[in-house]
N, C-alpha and C. Protein backbone atom coordinates (compact mmCIF):
# COMPACT_ATOMS: atom_id res chain seq x y z
N GLU A 1 56.32 -104.82 -51.09
CA GLU A 1 56.56 -104.96 -52.70
C GLU A 1 55.69 -105.48 -53.41
N HIS A 2 55.26 -104.76 -54.57
CA HIS A 2 53.97 -105.42 -55.14
C HIS A 2 54.53 -105.44 -56.60
N ARG A 3 54.21 -106.90 -57.10
CA ARG A 3 54.69 -107.28 -58.25
C ARG A 3 53.60 -107.69 -59.15
N SER A 4 53.52 -107.80 -60.42
CA SER A 4 52.65 -107.95 -61.07
C SER A 4 53.08 -109.23 -62.18
N ILE A 5 52.01 -109.87 -62.68
CA ILE A 5 51.83 -110.82 -63.72
C ILE A 5 51.07 -110.41 -64.61
N HIS A 6 51.30 -110.53 -66.15
CA HIS A 6 50.21 -109.89 -66.80
C HIS A 6 50.18 -111.16 -68.03
N PHE A 7 48.89 -111.02 -68.27
CA PHE A 7 48.57 -111.79 -69.31
C PHE A 7 47.89 -111.42 -70.53
N ILE A 8 48.47 -111.46 -71.84
CA ILE A 8 47.81 -111.07 -72.97
C ILE A 8 47.42 -112.25 -73.93
N HIS A 9 46.06 -111.60 -74.48
CA HIS A 9 45.82 -112.78 -75.70
C HIS A 9 45.13 -111.81 -76.31
N LYS A 10 45.62 -111.74 -78.20
CA LYS A 10 45.41 -111.04 -79.11
C LYS A 10 44.57 -111.85 -80.12
N LYS A 11 43.52 -111.42 -80.80
CA LYS A 11 42.72 -111.83 -81.45
C LYS A 11 42.20 -111.03 -82.70
N SER A 12 42.82 -111.13 -83.83
CA SER A 12 42.16 -110.25 -84.88
C SER A 12 41.23 -110.69 -85.55
N ILE A 13 40.32 -110.00 -86.25
CA ILE A 13 38.84 -110.65 -86.91
C ILE A 13 38.74 -109.63 -88.01
N SER A 14 38.81 -110.21 -88.98
CA SER A 14 38.68 -109.63 -90.44
C SER A 14 37.40 -109.37 -91.14
N TYR A 15 36.81 -108.47 -91.04
CA TYR A 15 35.25 -108.63 -92.18
C TYR A 15 35.29 -108.43 -93.36
N GLN A 16 34.17 -108.96 -94.29
CA GLN A 16 33.99 -108.68 -95.91
C GLN A 16 34.24 -107.50 -95.95
N ASP A 17 34.10 -106.03 -95.63
CA ASP A 17 34.16 -105.06 -96.22
C ASP A 17 35.49 -104.46 -95.64
N ASN A 18 36.30 -105.16 -95.46
CA ASN A 18 37.76 -104.61 -95.08
C ASN A 18 37.83 -104.05 -94.07
N ARG A 19 37.21 -103.79 -93.14
CA ARG A 19 37.47 -103.63 -91.60
C ARG A 19 38.14 -105.02 -90.99
N GLN A 20 38.45 -104.31 -89.96
CA GLN A 20 39.55 -105.30 -89.01
C GLN A 20 39.37 -105.05 -87.53
N PHE A 21 39.06 -106.19 -86.93
CA PHE A 21 38.48 -105.66 -85.23
C PHE A 21 39.97 -106.28 -84.73
N ASN A 22 40.66 -105.40 -83.77
CA ASN A 22 41.80 -106.28 -82.89
C ASN A 22 41.23 -106.67 -81.57
N LEU A 23 40.96 -107.41 -80.83
CA LEU A 23 40.71 -107.80 -79.38
C LEU A 23 41.86 -108.18 -78.68
N THR A 24 42.08 -106.96 -77.63
CA THR A 24 43.05 -107.94 -76.94
C THR A 24 42.36 -107.94 -75.10
N ILE A 25 43.08 -109.06 -74.81
CA ILE A 25 42.62 -108.99 -73.03
C ILE A 25 43.55 -109.07 -72.58
N PHE A 26 43.28 -108.42 -71.37
CA PHE A 26 44.56 -107.85 -70.54
C PHE A 26 44.23 -108.39 -69.08
N LEU A 27 45.02 -109.39 -68.49
CA LEU A 27 44.77 -109.69 -67.10
C LEU A 27 45.93 -109.65 -66.14
N THR A 28 45.58 -109.39 -65.36
CA THR A 28 46.74 -108.56 -64.69
C THR A 28 46.46 -109.17 -63.00
N VAL A 29 47.33 -110.00 -62.31
CA VAL A 29 47.43 -110.50 -61.01
C VAL A 29 48.90 -109.77 -60.57
N THR A 30 47.94 -109.34 -59.05
CA THR A 30 49.19 -108.43 -58.40
C THR A 30 48.89 -109.04 -56.91
N SER A 31 50.40 -109.24 -56.45
CA SER A 31 50.73 -109.84 -55.68
C SER A 31 51.86 -108.99 -54.66
N ALA A 32 51.85 -109.13 -53.36
CA ALA A 32 52.47 -108.55 -52.36
C ALA A 32 54.28 -109.36 -52.41
N THR A 33 53.97 -110.40 -52.52
CA THR A 33 55.50 -111.14 -52.54
C THR A 33 55.53 -111.99 -53.47
N THR A 34 56.69 -112.78 -53.87
CA THR A 34 56.96 -113.19 -54.79
C THR A 34 56.62 -114.74 -54.74
N THR A 35 56.48 -115.40 -53.48
CA THR A 35 56.02 -116.53 -53.43
C THR A 35 54.34 -116.70 -53.42
N THR A 36 53.47 -115.40 -53.43
CA THR A 36 51.97 -115.63 -53.23
C THR A 36 51.86 -115.21 -54.84
N ILE A 37 52.68 -114.70 -55.52
CA ILE A 37 52.05 -114.31 -56.71
C ILE A 37 52.18 -115.96 -57.57
N MET A 38 52.97 -117.12 -57.48
CA MET A 38 52.56 -118.52 -57.99
C MET A 38 51.18 -118.89 -57.36
N ALA A 39 50.88 -118.69 -56.51
CA ALA A 39 49.54 -119.03 -55.71
C ALA A 39 48.31 -118.25 -56.63
N ALA A 40 48.59 -116.91 -56.80
CA ALA A 40 47.59 -116.24 -57.34
C ALA A 40 47.48 -116.70 -58.94
N THR A 41 48.76 -116.92 -59.18
CA THR A 41 48.87 -117.26 -60.55
C THR A 41 47.88 -118.85 -61.04
N GLU A 42 48.34 -119.89 -60.14
CA GLU A 42 48.16 -120.85 -59.94
C GLU A 42 46.61 -121.00 -59.59
N ASP A 43 45.99 -120.74 -58.34
CA ASP A 43 44.73 -120.59 -57.91
C ASP A 43 43.72 -119.96 -58.20
N ASP A 44 44.15 -118.38 -58.75
CA ASP A 44 43.23 -117.45 -58.63
C ASP A 44 43.02 -117.22 -60.44
N ILE A 45 43.55 -117.83 -61.09
CA ILE A 45 43.66 -117.38 -62.62
C ILE A 45 42.18 -118.02 -62.99
N VAL A 46 41.91 -119.42 -62.57
CA VAL A 46 40.35 -119.93 -63.03
C VAL A 46 39.34 -118.69 -62.45
N ASP A 47 39.16 -118.47 -61.15
CA ASP A 47 38.19 -117.81 -60.80
C ASP A 47 38.27 -115.96 -61.32
N GLU A 48 39.49 -115.65 -61.40
CA GLU A 48 39.30 -114.21 -62.60
C GLU A 48 39.01 -114.39 -63.78
N PHE A 49 39.14 -115.61 -64.88
CA PHE A 49 38.45 -115.88 -65.91
C PHE A 49 37.22 -116.03 -65.70
N PHE A 50 36.61 -117.01 -64.94
CA PHE A 50 35.06 -116.83 -65.10
C PHE A 50 34.72 -115.51 -64.41
N LYS A 51 35.16 -114.51 -63.86
CA LYS A 51 34.70 -113.41 -63.43
C LYS A 51 34.77 -112.43 -64.53
N THR A 52 36.04 -112.56 -65.08
CA THR A 52 35.86 -111.71 -66.38
C THR A 52 34.63 -112.13 -67.66
N ILE A 53 34.46 -113.59 -67.80
CA ILE A 53 33.49 -113.94 -68.46
C ILE A 53 32.05 -113.85 -68.27
N GLY A 54 32.05 -113.94 -66.69
CA GLY A 54 30.64 -113.34 -66.22
C GLY A 54 30.41 -112.00 -66.60
N THR A 55 31.23 -111.29 -66.20
CA THR A 55 30.67 -109.88 -66.32
C THR A 55 30.49 -109.36 -67.73
N ILE A 56 31.47 -110.32 -68.87
CA ILE A 56 31.02 -110.08 -70.10
C ILE A 56 29.62 -110.57 -70.53
N GLN A 57 29.33 -111.57 -69.95
CA GLN A 57 28.13 -111.80 -69.98
C GLN A 57 27.20 -111.42 -69.91
N SER A 58 27.37 -111.27 -68.58
CA SER A 58 26.23 -109.87 -67.91
C SER A 58 25.95 -108.44 -68.96
N MET A 59 26.70 -108.27 -69.68
CA MET A 59 26.90 -106.81 -70.29
C MET A 59 26.51 -107.29 -72.01
N LYS A 60 26.58 -108.71 -72.22
CA LYS A 60 26.91 -108.99 -73.67
C LYS A 60 25.29 -108.34 -74.37
N ASN A 61 24.10 -107.69 -73.87
CA ASN A 61 23.15 -106.90 -75.04
C ASN A 61 23.58 -105.84 -75.11
N ASN A 62 24.54 -105.04 -74.17
CA ASN A 62 24.99 -103.79 -74.33
C ASN A 62 26.54 -103.35 -75.14
N LEU A 63 27.04 -104.86 -75.64
CA LEU A 63 28.13 -104.45 -75.98
C LEU A 63 28.09 -104.61 -77.81
N ASP A 64 29.20 -103.78 -78.46
CA ASP A 64 29.41 -104.07 -79.73
C ASP A 64 29.53 -105.46 -80.43
N ASN A 65 28.83 -105.37 -81.62
CA ASN A 65 28.62 -107.00 -82.19
C ASN A 65 30.23 -107.41 -82.32
N ALA A 66 30.75 -106.24 -82.90
CA ALA A 66 32.43 -107.33 -83.62
C ALA A 66 33.21 -107.44 -82.06
N TYR A 67 33.15 -106.75 -81.01
CA TYR A 67 33.78 -107.05 -79.80
C TYR A 67 32.82 -108.60 -79.16
N LEU A 68 32.06 -108.75 -78.94
CA LEU A 68 31.42 -109.83 -78.85
C LEU A 68 31.61 -110.85 -79.64
N ASP A 69 31.44 -110.63 -80.75
CA ASP A 69 32.08 -111.69 -81.89
C ASP A 69 33.49 -112.09 -81.38
N GLY A 70 34.31 -111.15 -81.32
CA GLY A 70 35.88 -111.55 -81.39
C GLY A 70 35.65 -112.39 -79.92
N ILE A 71 35.18 -112.12 -78.59
CA ILE A 71 35.24 -113.00 -77.49
C ILE A 71 34.51 -114.45 -77.81
N LYS A 72 33.49 -114.43 -78.42
CA LYS A 72 33.04 -115.93 -79.05
C LYS A 72 34.05 -116.58 -79.60
N GLU A 73 34.66 -116.11 -80.46
CA GLU A 73 35.81 -116.71 -81.14
C GLU A 73 36.84 -117.05 -79.90
N ILE A 74 37.14 -116.72 -79.36
CA ILE A 74 38.21 -116.69 -78.13
C ILE A 74 37.72 -117.90 -77.46
N LEU A 75 36.58 -117.70 -77.27
CA LEU A 75 35.49 -118.65 -76.39
C LEU A 75 35.62 -120.35 -77.05
N LYS A 76 35.37 -120.31 -78.17
CA LYS A 76 35.10 -121.23 -79.05
C LYS A 76 36.71 -122.29 -78.83
N GLU A 77 37.79 -121.37 -79.11
CA GLU A 77 39.19 -121.89 -79.37
C GLU A 77 39.17 -122.61 -77.97
N ALA A 78 38.86 -121.63 -76.79
CA ALA A 78 39.05 -122.09 -75.26
C ALA A 78 38.52 -123.58 -75.11
N LYS A 79 37.17 -123.56 -75.72
CA LYS A 79 36.57 -125.03 -75.44
C LYS A 79 37.08 -125.97 -76.06
N LYS A 80 37.92 -125.60 -77.27
CA LYS A 80 38.17 -126.88 -78.24
C LYS A 80 39.31 -127.32 -77.10
N LYS A 81 40.06 -126.64 -76.54
CA LYS A 81 41.39 -126.95 -76.23
C LYS A 81 40.80 -127.35 -74.68
N VAL A 82 40.23 -126.95 -73.87
CA VAL A 82 39.95 -127.44 -72.74
C VAL A 82 39.06 -128.94 -72.86
N SER A 83 38.24 -129.49 -73.95
CA SER A 83 37.97 -130.65 -74.36
C SER A 83 39.26 -131.64 -74.59
N ALA A 84 39.98 -130.88 -75.46
CA ALA A 84 41.41 -131.74 -76.02
C ALA A 84 41.97 -132.16 -74.87
N HIS A 85 42.02 -131.34 -73.83
CA HIS A 85 43.12 -131.35 -72.28
C HIS A 85 42.51 -132.66 -71.70
N THR A 86 40.73 -132.45 -71.60
CA THR A 86 40.40 -133.55 -71.00
C THR A 86 40.10 -134.68 -71.43
N GLY A 87 39.89 -134.97 -72.72
CA GLY A 87 40.30 -135.87 -73.35
C GLY A 87 41.43 -136.67 -73.36
N ILE A 88 42.74 -136.41 -73.29
CA ILE A 88 43.87 -136.77 -73.03
C ILE A 88 43.91 -137.17 -71.82
N TYR A 89 43.29 -136.31 -70.79
CA TYR A 89 43.55 -136.87 -69.27
C TYR A 89 42.68 -138.22 -69.28
N LEU A 90 41.15 -138.32 -70.07
CA LEU A 90 40.67 -139.43 -69.82
C LEU A 90 41.37 -140.68 -70.39
N HIS A 91 41.99 -140.40 -71.63
CA HIS A 91 42.94 -141.53 -72.21
C HIS A 91 44.23 -141.90 -71.39
N ASP A 92 44.66 -141.39 -70.35
CA ASP A 92 45.37 -141.52 -69.15
C ASP A 92 45.27 -142.07 -67.83
N ASN A 93 43.97 -142.50 -67.92
CA ASN A 93 43.21 -143.31 -66.58
C ASN A 93 44.27 -144.22 -65.83
N VAL A 94 44.96 -145.23 -66.86
CA VAL A 94 45.98 -146.04 -66.12
C VAL A 94 47.19 -145.44 -65.53
N LYS A 95 47.24 -144.31 -65.69
CA LYS A 95 48.42 -143.47 -65.12
C LYS A 95 48.03 -142.78 -63.90
N THR A 96 46.80 -142.08 -63.96
CA THR A 96 46.04 -140.89 -63.15
C THR A 96 45.48 -141.65 -62.13
N LYS A 97 44.63 -142.49 -62.56
CA LYS A 97 43.94 -143.59 -61.48
C LYS A 97 42.95 -142.28 -60.83
N PRO A 98 42.20 -141.52 -61.45
CA PRO A 98 41.20 -140.71 -60.65
C PRO A 98 40.14 -141.49 -59.73
N ASP A 99 39.89 -141.30 -58.91
CA ASP A 99 38.51 -141.46 -58.31
C ASP A 99 37.11 -141.64 -59.06
N LYS A 100 36.44 -142.37 -59.16
CA LYS A 100 34.95 -142.33 -60.42
C LYS A 100 34.24 -141.09 -59.91
N ASP A 101 34.67 -140.52 -59.09
CA ASP A 101 33.31 -139.57 -58.90
C ASP A 101 33.92 -138.18 -59.00
N THR A 102 35.38 -138.01 -59.39
CA THR A 102 35.68 -136.87 -59.94
C THR A 102 36.12 -137.15 -61.51
N LEU A 103 36.44 -138.51 -61.89
CA LEU A 103 35.72 -138.59 -63.43
C LEU A 103 34.87 -138.29 -63.74
N GLN A 104 33.49 -138.63 -63.10
CA GLN A 104 32.24 -138.17 -63.50
C GLN A 104 32.28 -136.72 -63.51
N LYS A 105 32.53 -135.95 -62.44
CA LYS A 105 32.78 -134.80 -63.02
C LYS A 105 33.18 -133.92 -63.74
N LYS A 106 34.44 -134.36 -64.32
CA LYS A 106 35.12 -133.98 -65.29
C LYS A 106 34.69 -134.30 -66.70
N ILE A 107 34.02 -135.50 -66.87
CA ILE A 107 32.99 -135.59 -67.95
C ILE A 107 31.87 -134.73 -68.07
N ALA A 108 31.22 -134.67 -67.10
CA ALA A 108 29.92 -133.74 -66.99
C ALA A 108 30.21 -132.29 -67.20
N ALA A 109 31.42 -132.12 -67.08
CA ALA A 109 31.75 -130.65 -67.20
C ALA A 109 32.52 -130.42 -68.55
N VAL A 110 32.56 -131.59 -69.25
CA VAL A 110 33.45 -131.57 -70.59
C VAL A 110 33.02 -132.81 -71.21
N PRO A 111 31.86 -133.23 -71.58
CA PRO A 111 31.34 -134.44 -72.17
C PRO A 111 32.11 -134.59 -73.59
N LEU A 112 32.37 -133.45 -74.28
CA LEU A 112 33.04 -133.69 -75.62
C LEU A 112 34.38 -134.35 -75.31
N SER A 113 34.87 -134.64 -74.22
CA SER A 113 35.99 -135.31 -74.37
C SER A 113 36.18 -136.64 -74.18
N LEU A 114 34.88 -137.20 -74.17
CA LEU A 114 34.66 -138.88 -74.65
C LEU A 114 34.52 -139.01 -75.84
N SER A 115 34.59 -138.37 -76.65
CA SER A 115 35.15 -138.40 -78.14
C SER A 115 36.24 -138.21 -78.76
N TYR A 116 37.15 -137.70 -77.78
CA TYR A 116 38.64 -137.07 -77.85
C TYR A 116 39.28 -138.47 -78.66
N THR A 117 39.71 -138.39 -79.64
CA THR A 117 40.68 -139.28 -79.70
C THR A 117 42.15 -139.33 -80.18
N ASN A 118 42.87 -140.45 -79.21
CA ASN A 118 44.33 -140.52 -79.32
C ASN A 118 45.37 -140.20 -80.56
N ASP A 119 46.27 -140.31 -80.21
CA ASP A 119 46.91 -140.79 -81.72
C ASP A 119 46.83 -142.06 -82.43
N GLU A 120 46.02 -142.82 -81.79
CA GLU A 120 45.88 -144.31 -82.41
C GLU A 120 44.51 -144.43 -83.01
N GLY A 121 43.41 -143.31 -82.69
CA GLY A 121 42.45 -142.88 -83.38
C GLY A 121 41.38 -143.91 -82.61
N GLN A 122 41.46 -143.86 -81.12
CA GLN A 122 40.98 -144.48 -80.11
C GLN A 122 40.37 -143.49 -79.45
N LEU A 123 39.13 -143.87 -78.74
CA LEU A 123 37.97 -143.09 -77.82
C LEU A 123 38.42 -143.54 -76.47
N PRO A 124 38.55 -142.86 -75.44
CA PRO A 124 38.82 -142.95 -73.94
C PRO A 124 38.21 -144.26 -73.70
N ILE A 125 37.09 -144.88 -74.18
CA ILE A 125 36.98 -146.00 -74.12
C ILE A 125 37.55 -147.28 -74.01
N GLN A 126 37.92 -146.91 -75.82
CA GLN A 126 38.77 -147.93 -75.88
C GLN A 126 40.17 -148.04 -75.67
N SER A 127 40.59 -147.08 -75.31
CA SER A 127 41.91 -147.00 -74.60
C SER A 127 42.21 -147.70 -72.92
N ALA A 128 40.92 -147.28 -72.47
CA ALA A 128 40.97 -148.01 -70.87
C ALA A 128 40.63 -149.48 -71.15
N VAL A 129 40.65 -150.00 -72.43
CA VAL A 129 40.62 -151.76 -72.36
C VAL A 129 41.76 -152.60 -72.33
N TRP A 130 42.82 -151.44 -73.24
CA TRP A 130 43.91 -151.66 -73.01
C TRP A 130 45.40 -151.63 -71.76
N GLY A 131 44.47 -150.91 -70.87
CA GLY A 131 45.50 -150.95 -69.37
C GLY A 131 44.81 -151.47 -68.53
N ASP A 132 45.41 -152.57 -67.56
CA ASP A 132 44.74 -153.52 -66.72
C ASP A 132 44.18 -152.84 -65.51
N HIS A 133 44.72 -151.46 -65.20
CA HIS A 133 44.19 -150.74 -64.23
C HIS A 133 43.08 -149.64 -64.66
N SER A 134 42.74 -149.56 -65.99
CA SER A 134 41.81 -148.87 -65.95
C SER A 134 40.01 -149.40 -66.81
N VAL A 135 40.44 -150.79 -66.58
CA VAL A 135 39.37 -151.49 -67.34
C VAL A 135 37.94 -151.32 -65.89
N GLY A 136 38.13 -151.11 -64.93
CA GLY A 136 37.15 -150.27 -63.97
C GLY A 136 36.67 -149.30 -64.42
N TYR A 137 37.11 -148.34 -65.30
CA TYR A 137 36.49 -147.34 -65.85
C TYR A 137 35.04 -147.48 -66.82
N ILE A 138 35.18 -148.38 -67.13
CA ILE A 138 34.49 -148.62 -68.08
C ILE A 138 33.67 -148.64 -68.40
N PRO A 139 32.68 -148.79 -67.16
CA PRO A 139 30.99 -148.83 -67.07
C PRO A 139 30.50 -147.34 -66.79
N LEU A 140 31.50 -146.58 -66.20
CA LEU A 140 31.33 -145.21 -66.37
C LEU A 140 31.62 -144.54 -67.67
N LEU A 141 32.40 -145.04 -68.15
CA LEU A 141 32.81 -144.65 -69.60
C LEU A 141 31.28 -144.86 -70.72
N VAL A 142 30.78 -145.83 -70.36
CA VAL A 142 29.62 -146.42 -71.20
C VAL A 142 28.19 -145.52 -71.12
N LYS A 143 28.43 -145.48 -69.47
CA LYS A 143 27.21 -144.74 -68.82
C LYS A 143 26.94 -143.63 -69.39
N GLU A 144 28.08 -142.96 -69.48
CA GLU A 144 28.21 -141.23 -70.12
C GLU A 144 28.27 -141.09 -71.14
N GLY A 145 29.12 -141.89 -71.68
CA GLY A 145 29.12 -142.07 -73.55
C GLY A 145 27.81 -142.34 -74.28
N ARG A 146 26.85 -142.97 -73.20
CA ARG A 146 25.54 -143.36 -74.13
C ARG A 146 24.49 -141.56 -73.88
N LYS A 147 25.03 -141.14 -72.78
CA LYS A 147 24.40 -139.75 -72.46
C LYS A 147 24.70 -138.67 -73.80
N HIS A 148 25.88 -138.94 -73.99
CA HIS A 148 26.12 -138.03 -75.26
C HIS A 148 26.39 -138.94 -76.52
N GLN A 149 26.01 -140.12 -76.92
CA GLN A 149 25.96 -140.30 -77.88
C GLN A 149 27.38 -140.72 -78.43
N VAL A 150 28.50 -140.90 -77.78
CA VAL A 150 29.48 -141.18 -78.47
C VAL A 150 29.80 -142.63 -79.21
N GLY A 151 30.37 -142.40 -80.07
CA GLY A 151 30.50 -143.00 -81.50
C GLY A 151 29.01 -143.19 -82.34
N GLY A 152 28.19 -142.13 -82.29
CA GLY A 152 26.92 -142.22 -83.11
C GLY A 152 25.72 -142.89 -81.79
N HIS A 153 24.62 -142.84 -82.88
CA HIS A 153 23.51 -143.03 -81.77
C HIS A 153 23.38 -144.44 -81.37
N ASP A 154 23.67 -145.61 -82.05
CA ASP A 154 23.59 -147.00 -81.84
C ASP A 154 24.83 -147.84 -81.44
N ASN A 155 26.10 -146.89 -81.10
CA ASN A 155 27.14 -147.60 -80.75
C ASN A 155 27.27 -147.61 -79.19
N ARG A 156 26.21 -147.31 -78.62
CA ARG A 156 26.10 -147.42 -76.86
C ARG A 156 27.24 -147.05 -76.18
N GLY A 157 27.83 -145.87 -76.63
CA GLY A 157 28.47 -144.98 -75.58
C GLY A 157 29.72 -145.01 -76.30
N GLY A 158 30.16 -145.89 -77.12
CA GLY A 158 31.28 -146.24 -77.77
C GLY A 158 32.06 -147.81 -77.45
N PHE A 159 30.75 -148.62 -76.73
CA PHE A 159 31.04 -149.57 -76.62
C PHE A 159 30.80 -150.78 -77.88
N LEU A 160 30.29 -150.32 -79.24
CA LEU A 160 30.35 -150.76 -79.93
C LEU A 160 31.26 -150.28 -81.21
N VAL A 161 31.97 -149.56 -80.82
CA VAL A 161 32.95 -148.79 -81.78
C VAL A 161 34.22 -149.81 -82.00
N GLY A 162 34.16 -150.32 -83.39
CA GLY A 162 35.53 -150.68 -83.99
C GLY A 162 36.82 -150.09 -83.32
N ASP A 163 37.70 -151.03 -82.65
CA ASP A 163 38.84 -150.61 -82.30
C ASP A 163 39.82 -149.94 -83.30
N PRO A 164 40.38 -149.18 -83.75
CA PRO A 164 41.56 -149.12 -84.56
C PRO A 164 42.68 -149.57 -84.10
N HIS A 165 43.04 -149.59 -82.82
CA HIS A 165 44.25 -150.36 -82.45
C HIS A 165 44.52 -151.43 -82.36
N ASP A 166 42.98 -152.47 -83.00
CA ASP A 166 43.21 -153.67 -82.65
C ASP A 166 43.02 -154.36 -84.59
N SER A 167 43.80 -155.18 -84.96
CA SER A 167 44.11 -155.30 -86.13
C SER A 167 42.66 -155.80 -87.18
N ASP A 168 41.76 -156.45 -86.09
CA ASP A 168 40.59 -156.95 -86.41
C ASP A 168 39.74 -155.86 -86.13
N ARG A 169 39.57 -154.82 -85.99
CA ARG A 169 38.64 -153.57 -85.54
C ARG A 169 37.46 -154.24 -84.77
N ILE A 170 38.12 -155.22 -83.43
CA ILE A 170 36.58 -155.42 -82.71
C ILE A 170 36.39 -154.05 -81.89
N ASN A 171 35.10 -154.52 -81.21
CA ASN A 171 35.19 -153.20 -80.44
C ASN A 171 34.93 -153.68 -78.81
N VAL A 172 34.86 -152.48 -78.06
CA VAL A 172 35.15 -152.71 -76.92
C VAL A 172 34.57 -154.00 -75.79
N LEU A 173 33.20 -154.48 -76.50
CA LEU A 173 32.46 -155.78 -75.56
C LEU A 173 33.32 -156.74 -76.16
N GLN A 174 33.76 -156.84 -77.42
CA GLN A 174 34.48 -157.97 -77.50
C GLN A 174 35.73 -158.04 -76.95
N LEU A 175 36.93 -157.16 -77.29
CA LEU A 175 37.93 -156.81 -76.39
C LEU A 175 37.89 -157.29 -75.16
N LEU A 176 36.92 -156.78 -74.22
CA LEU A 176 37.07 -157.07 -72.91
C LEU A 176 36.27 -158.84 -72.66
N ALA A 177 35.64 -159.36 -73.67
CA ALA A 177 35.28 -160.64 -73.96
C ALA A 177 36.89 -161.33 -74.27
N ASP A 178 37.60 -160.87 -74.77
CA ASP A 178 38.73 -161.82 -75.18
C ASP A 178 40.03 -161.74 -73.64
N LEU A 179 39.85 -160.66 -73.39
CA LEU A 179 40.36 -160.09 -71.92
C LEU A 179 40.13 -161.23 -70.91
N THR A 180 38.85 -161.23 -70.50
CA THR A 180 38.20 -162.42 -69.92
C THR A 180 38.59 -163.68 -70.15
N SER A 181 38.59 -163.94 -71.22
CA SER A 181 39.00 -165.67 -71.86
C SER A 181 40.23 -165.67 -71.52
N ASP A 182 41.03 -164.76 -72.08
CA ASP A 182 42.47 -165.08 -71.71
C ASP A 182 43.51 -165.15 -70.51
N SER A 183 42.50 -164.34 -69.61
CA SER A 183 42.91 -163.97 -68.00
C SER A 183 42.15 -165.46 -67.36
N MET A 184 41.18 -166.02 -67.84
CA MET A 184 40.64 -167.10 -67.37
C MET A 184 41.60 -168.09 -67.97
N SER A 185 42.20 -168.19 -68.97
CA SER A 185 43.14 -169.43 -69.41
C SER A 185 44.26 -169.58 -68.67
N LYS A 186 44.67 -168.59 -68.18
CA LYS A 186 46.21 -168.32 -67.41
C LYS A 186 45.74 -169.05 -65.95
N HIS A 187 44.87 -168.95 -65.46
CA HIS A 187 44.64 -169.48 -63.79
C HIS A 187 44.37 -171.05 -63.93
């Protein structure tokens, strides 16, 4: 028995001359059994998506401008969502505890995620200071943050950005010094 799962994404674009372009992307995943449908959906959706995008990219010089503009809008939205999702992940290192190689690869793939602010207005490097088990990620976050000018040109990858979570708005370096002096005074 063959089963199919259909994914549909619709986008409507209006032009100044009142023309409207509707773009619909259909993706169908077909499988022989119910159990492999989940595997196809979970494992192959990324491959299928990149295959579709690769095909569109290889044809981009032959595509209608309105169609290509619609694809670009969809991809801009997808890029924002992937960046936000990865940024949330970077703030959650204390719970997820990724190995540093995996973390570096995620940052390399989505560098804008280093500038994603959480609900408290913190960058990932700032929230790392507040978690005992995530302080070890700070050197990597600084190194990668400097490459991508997180916090601005002179903020050393976010290291010198004032933390909005702290009432005195001290930066990561100052917070780490405080953390070290607090832990030293307890011993």
